[in-house]
N, C-alpha and C. Protein backbone atom coordinates (compact mmCIF):
# COMPACT_ATOMS: atom_id res chain seq x y z
N UNK A 1 106.02 100.54 120.06
CA UNK A 1 104.60 100.72 119.93
C UNK A 1 104.21 102.03 120.58
N UNK A 2 103.45 102.79 119.86
CA UNK A 2 103.08 104.11 120.34
C UNK A 2 101.56 104.16 120.51
N UNK A 3 101.05 103.50 121.53
CA UNK A 3 99.61 103.46 121.80
C UNK A 3 99.39 103.81 123.26
N UNK A 4 98.46 104.73 123.50
CA UNK A 4 98.14 105.15 124.86
C UNK A 4 96.69 104.83 125.17
N UNK A 5 96.36 104.83 126.43
CA UNK A 5 94.99 104.60 126.87
C UNK A 5 94.05 105.58 126.19
N UNK A 6 92.98 105.06 125.61
CA UNK A 6 91.99 105.90 124.94
C UNK A 6 92.24 106.10 123.46
N UNK A 7 93.41 105.71 122.96
CA UNK A 7 93.71 105.85 121.54
C UNK A 7 92.86 104.89 120.71
N UNK A 8 92.52 105.30 119.50
CA UNK A 8 91.87 104.40 118.54
C UNK A 8 92.96 103.71 117.75
N UNK A 9 92.77 102.42 117.49
CA UNK A 9 93.77 101.65 116.76
C UNK A 9 93.11 100.96 115.56
N UNK A 10 93.92 100.66 114.58
CA UNK A 10 93.46 99.92 113.40
C UNK A 10 93.51 98.43 113.68
N UNK A 11 92.77 97.64 112.90
CA UNK A 11 92.73 96.20 113.09
C UNK A 11 94.11 95.55 112.98
N UNK A 12 94.97 96.07 112.13
CA UNK A 12 96.28 95.47 111.92
C UNK A 12 97.40 96.13 112.73
N UNK A 13 97.05 97.01 113.66
CA UNK A 13 98.04 97.74 114.44
C UNK A 13 98.40 96.97 115.72
N UNK A 14 99.69 96.82 115.98
CA UNK A 14 100.14 96.15 117.20
C UNK A 14 99.94 97.07 118.40
N UNK A 15 99.39 96.52 119.47
CA UNK A 15 99.20 97.29 120.70
C UNK A 15 100.00 96.71 121.86
N UNK A 16 100.55 95.50 121.67
CA UNK A 16 101.35 94.87 122.71
C UNK A 16 102.27 93.84 122.08
N UNK A 17 103.31 93.52 122.79
CA UNK A 17 104.22 92.45 122.38
C UNK A 17 104.38 91.51 123.57
N UNK A 18 104.08 90.24 123.34
CA UNK A 18 104.17 89.25 124.42
C UNK A 18 105.32 88.31 124.08
N UNK A 19 106.22 88.14 125.02
CA UNK A 19 107.38 87.27 124.83
C UNK A 19 107.16 85.95 125.55
N UNK A 20 107.36 84.85 124.84
CA UNK A 20 107.30 83.53 125.44
C UNK A 20 108.72 83.15 125.87
N UNK A 21 109.00 83.29 127.15
CA UNK A 21 110.35 83.04 127.66
C UNK A 21 110.72 81.57 127.66
N UNK A 22 109.76 80.69 127.38
CA UNK A 22 110.07 79.26 127.33
C UNK A 22 110.64 78.87 125.98
N UNK A 23 110.52 79.76 124.99
CA UNK A 23 110.99 79.44 123.65
C UNK A 23 111.82 80.58 123.07
N UNK A 24 112.81 81.02 123.81
CA UNK A 24 113.68 82.09 123.33
C UNK A 24 114.69 81.54 122.33
N UNK A 25 114.98 82.33 121.30
CA UNK A 25 116.00 81.94 120.35
C UNK A 25 116.67 83.19 119.82
N UNK A 26 117.82 83.00 119.25
CA UNK A 26 118.55 84.10 118.66
C UNK A 26 119.14 83.63 117.34
N UNK A 27 119.35 84.56 116.44
CA UNK A 27 120.00 84.24 115.17
C UNK A 27 121.30 85.01 115.10
N UNK A 28 122.36 84.29 114.86
CA UNK A 28 123.69 84.90 114.77
C UNK A 28 124.25 84.70 113.37
N UNK A 29 125.20 85.51 113.02
CA UNK A 29 125.86 85.39 111.72
C UNK A 29 127.23 84.76 111.94
N UNK A 30 127.49 83.69 111.20
CA UNK A 30 128.76 82.97 111.32
C UNK A 30 129.53 83.12 110.01
N UNK A 31 130.79 83.47 110.12
CA UNK A 31 131.66 83.66 108.97
C UNK A 31 131.78 82.37 108.16
N UNK A 32 131.91 82.52 106.84
CA UNK A 32 132.01 81.36 105.96
C UNK A 32 133.20 80.45 106.29
N UNK A 33 134.24 81.00 106.89
CA UNK A 33 135.40 80.18 107.25
C UNK A 33 135.11 79.29 108.45
N UNK A 34 134.10 79.63 109.25
CA UNK A 34 133.78 78.87 110.45
C UNK A 34 132.52 78.04 110.34
N UNK A 35 131.70 78.25 109.31
CA UNK A 35 130.39 77.62 109.24
C UNK A 35 130.47 76.10 109.17
N UNK A 36 131.54 75.55 108.63
CA UNK A 36 131.67 74.09 108.54
C UNK A 36 131.79 73.44 109.91
N UNK A 37 132.12 74.21 110.93
CA UNK A 37 132.26 73.69 112.29
C UNK A 37 130.94 73.69 113.05
N UNK A 38 129.89 74.30 112.48
CA UNK A 38 128.60 74.46 113.17
C UNK A 38 127.61 73.43 112.64
N UNK A 39 126.99 72.66 113.55
CA UNK A 39 126.04 71.62 113.17
C UNK A 39 124.76 71.75 114.00
N UNK A 40 123.62 71.39 113.39
CA UNK A 40 122.35 71.35 114.12
C UNK A 40 122.50 70.36 115.27
N UNK A 41 122.00 70.74 116.44
CA UNK A 41 122.09 69.90 117.64
C UNK A 41 123.29 70.23 118.52
N UNK A 42 124.23 70.98 118.00
CA UNK A 42 125.42 71.37 118.74
C UNK A 42 125.04 72.31 119.88
N UNK A 43 125.68 72.16 121.02
CA UNK A 43 125.42 73.06 122.14
C UNK A 43 126.30 74.30 122.01
N UNK A 44 125.87 75.37 122.69
CA UNK A 44 126.64 76.61 122.63
C UNK A 44 126.49 77.39 123.92
N UNK A 45 127.44 78.26 124.15
CA UNK A 45 127.37 79.23 125.24
C UNK A 45 127.06 80.57 124.61
N UNK A 46 126.09 81.29 125.19
CA UNK A 46 125.64 82.55 124.63
C UNK A 46 125.94 83.67 125.62
N UNK A 47 126.55 84.73 125.13
CA UNK A 47 126.75 85.92 125.95
C UNK A 47 126.04 87.09 125.27
N UNK A 48 125.65 88.05 126.07
CA UNK A 48 124.96 89.23 125.55
C UNK A 48 125.46 90.47 126.28
N UNK A 49 125.64 91.55 125.56
CA UNK A 49 126.14 92.77 126.18
C UNK A 49 125.18 93.30 127.25
N UNK A 50 123.90 92.97 127.15
CA UNK A 50 122.92 93.42 128.15
C UNK A 50 123.12 92.71 129.49
N UNK A 51 123.77 91.54 129.46
CA UNK A 51 124.02 90.75 130.67
C UNK A 51 125.50 90.41 130.72
N UNK A 52 126.36 91.37 131.02
CA UNK A 52 127.81 91.15 130.90
C UNK A 52 128.37 90.05 131.79
N UNK A 53 127.71 89.73 132.89
CA UNK A 53 128.23 88.71 133.80
C UNK A 53 127.52 87.38 133.67
N UNK A 54 126.72 87.20 132.62
CA UNK A 54 125.91 85.99 132.45
C UNK A 54 126.32 85.23 131.19
N UNK A 55 126.22 83.92 131.27
CA UNK A 55 126.37 83.05 130.10
C UNK A 55 125.15 82.14 130.08
N UNK A 56 124.51 82.06 128.92
CA UNK A 56 123.33 81.23 128.75
C UNK A 56 123.68 80.02 127.89
N UNK A 57 122.98 78.93 128.09
CA UNK A 57 123.20 77.72 127.30
C UNK A 57 122.24 77.72 126.12
N UNK A 58 122.70 77.18 125.00
CA UNK A 58 121.86 77.11 123.82
C UNK A 58 122.14 75.87 123.00
N UNK A 59 121.28 75.66 122.00
CA UNK A 59 121.41 74.52 121.10
C UNK A 59 121.10 75.00 119.69
N UNK A 60 121.96 74.67 118.74
CA UNK A 60 121.78 75.07 117.35
C UNK A 60 120.59 74.32 116.77
N UNK A 61 119.62 75.08 116.24
CA UNK A 61 118.42 74.47 115.67
C UNK A 61 118.35 74.63 114.15
N UNK A 62 119.12 75.54 113.58
CA UNK A 62 119.10 75.71 112.13
C UNK A 62 120.39 76.37 111.66
N UNK A 63 120.88 75.90 110.53
CA UNK A 63 122.05 76.51 109.88
C UNK A 63 121.63 76.82 108.44
N UNK A 64 121.72 78.08 108.05
CA UNK A 64 121.33 78.48 106.69
C UNK A 64 122.16 77.73 105.66
N UNK A 65 121.50 77.34 104.57
CA UNK A 65 122.20 76.63 103.48
C UNK A 65 122.94 77.60 102.56
N UNK A 66 122.48 78.84 102.55
CA UNK A 66 123.12 79.85 101.70
C UNK A 66 123.57 81.02 102.56
N UNK A 67 124.73 81.55 102.23
CA UNK A 67 125.24 82.70 102.95
C UNK A 67 124.82 84.00 102.31
N UNK A 68 125.12 85.08 103.01
CA UNK A 68 124.87 86.43 102.50
C UNK A 68 126.19 87.15 102.42
N UNK A 69 126.47 87.75 101.27
CA UNK A 69 127.73 88.48 101.09
C UNK A 69 127.52 89.96 101.39
N UNK A 70 128.46 90.51 102.16
CA UNK A 70 128.41 91.92 102.49
C UNK A 70 129.85 92.43 102.58
N UNK A 71 130.20 93.38 101.72
CA UNK A 71 131.56 93.92 101.68
C UNK A 71 132.62 92.83 101.48
N UNK A 72 132.30 91.85 100.65
CA UNK A 72 133.26 90.80 100.35
C UNK A 72 133.37 89.70 101.38
N UNK A 73 132.52 89.74 102.41
CA UNK A 73 132.54 88.71 103.46
C UNK A 73 131.20 87.98 103.46
N UNK A 74 131.25 86.67 103.39
CA UNK A 74 130.01 85.88 103.42
C UNK A 74 129.77 85.37 104.84
N UNK A 75 128.52 85.50 105.28
CA UNK A 75 128.13 84.97 106.60
C UNK A 75 126.88 84.13 106.42
N UNK A 76 126.69 83.20 107.35
CA UNK A 76 125.54 82.31 107.35
C UNK A 76 124.75 82.54 108.63
N UNK A 77 123.42 82.59 108.50
CA UNK A 77 122.57 82.71 109.69
C UNK A 77 122.49 81.37 110.40
N UNK A 78 122.69 81.41 111.71
CA UNK A 78 122.59 80.22 112.56
C UNK A 78 121.59 80.54 113.67
N UNK A 79 120.56 79.72 113.80
CA UNK A 79 119.55 79.92 114.83
C UNK A 79 119.89 79.05 116.03
N UNK A 80 119.89 79.68 117.21
CA UNK A 80 120.21 78.98 118.46
C UNK A 80 119.05 79.17 119.43
N UNK A 81 118.49 78.07 119.92
CA UNK A 81 117.46 78.12 120.96
C UNK A 81 118.13 78.19 122.31
N UNK A 82 117.64 79.08 123.16
CA UNK A 82 118.22 79.23 124.50
C UNK A 82 117.58 78.17 125.39
N UNK A 83 118.39 77.26 125.91
CA UNK A 83 117.86 76.12 126.66
C UNK A 83 117.64 76.42 128.13
N UNK A 84 118.24 77.47 128.66
CA UNK A 84 117.98 77.86 130.05
C UNK A 84 117.25 79.19 130.07
N UNK A 85 116.12 79.23 129.37
CA UNK A 85 115.35 80.46 129.20
C UNK A 85 114.83 81.03 130.51
N UNK A 86 114.58 80.19 131.51
CA UNK A 86 114.12 80.71 132.80
C UNK A 86 115.15 81.65 133.41
N UNK A 87 116.40 81.33 133.23
CA UNK A 87 117.47 82.19 133.72
C UNK A 87 117.43 83.54 132.98
N UNK A 88 117.21 83.50 131.67
CA UNK A 88 117.13 84.73 130.88
C UNK A 88 115.93 85.56 131.30
N UNK A 89 114.80 84.90 131.57
CA UNK A 89 113.59 85.61 131.99
C UNK A 89 113.84 86.36 133.29
N UNK A 90 114.44 85.70 134.26
CA UNK A 90 114.63 86.35 135.56
C UNK A 90 115.52 87.57 135.44
N UNK A 91 116.53 87.52 134.59
CA UNK A 91 117.44 88.65 134.43
C UNK A 91 116.79 89.77 133.62
N UNK A 92 116.02 89.42 132.58
CA UNK A 92 115.43 90.43 131.71
C UNK A 92 114.23 91.11 132.36
N UNK A 93 113.31 90.35 132.89
CA UNK A 93 112.09 90.90 133.45
C UNK A 93 112.34 91.61 134.77
N UNK A 94 113.17 91.02 135.62
CA UNK A 94 113.34 91.56 136.96
C UNK A 94 114.65 92.32 137.14
N UNK A 95 115.43 92.42 136.08
CA UNK A 95 116.60 93.28 136.11
C UNK A 95 117.84 92.65 136.69
N UNK A 96 118.93 93.38 136.55
CA UNK A 96 120.22 92.87 136.99
C UNK A 96 120.31 92.77 138.51
N UNK A 97 119.37 93.41 139.23
CA UNK A 97 119.41 93.31 140.69
C UNK A 97 118.94 91.94 141.15
N UNK A 98 118.33 91.16 140.24
CA UNK A 98 117.89 89.81 140.58
C UNK A 98 119.13 88.99 140.89
N UNK A 99 119.12 88.31 141.98
CA UNK A 99 120.29 87.51 142.35
C UNK A 99 119.92 86.04 142.30
N UNK A 100 120.85 85.21 142.66
CA UNK A 100 120.60 83.78 142.65
C UNK A 100 119.77 83.33 143.85
N UNK A 101 119.47 84.24 144.76
CA UNK A 101 118.58 83.88 145.86
C UNK A 101 117.16 83.85 145.33
N UNK A 102 116.25 83.23 146.03
CA UNK A 102 114.87 83.15 145.58
C UNK A 102 114.18 84.49 145.75
N UNK A 103 113.68 85.03 144.63
CA UNK A 103 112.97 86.31 144.70
C UNK A 103 111.47 86.09 144.83
N UNK A 104 110.98 84.92 144.38
CA UNK A 104 109.56 84.62 144.47
C UNK A 104 108.73 85.28 143.37
N UNK A 105 109.37 86.05 142.49
CA UNK A 105 108.63 86.77 141.45
C UNK A 105 108.71 86.08 140.09
N UNK A 106 109.83 85.49 139.78
CA UNK A 106 110.00 84.94 138.44
C UNK A 106 109.80 83.43 138.44
N UNK A 107 109.66 82.86 137.24
CA UNK A 107 109.43 81.42 137.14
C UNK A 107 110.66 80.62 137.57
N UNK A 108 111.84 81.22 137.51
CA UNK A 108 113.03 80.54 137.98
C UNK A 108 112.97 80.29 139.48
N UNK A 109 112.51 81.29 140.22
CA UNK A 109 112.44 81.18 141.67
C UNK A 109 111.12 80.59 142.16
N UNK A 110 110.05 80.86 141.42
CA UNK A 110 108.74 80.39 141.85
C UNK A 110 108.50 78.95 141.44
N UNK A 111 109.38 78.40 140.65
CA UNK A 111 109.23 77.01 140.27
C UNK A 111 108.57 76.90 138.97
């Protein structure tokens, strides 16, 4: 978003993005050879390159019925809700310097 104080904006122009950390989800692509092993309700461990030392818990909420072919490989979109979103919030908002001690700033530490 490229909006500064004093700028004029249009009615349909985004001026902010608000993230609800209580309802984080991600969509991953699963190869057609593995999709039969994935079921709605299944738990998962999620890793992200932005948090190399962290693993988040998740739950599969949707599995696409149709795959997408790209360069001869079919993949299916799988949506996973992050079930320990408070942990993700503390790491994302307050940075990697946030430790497991109580910081008092994030919802994980503040309760």
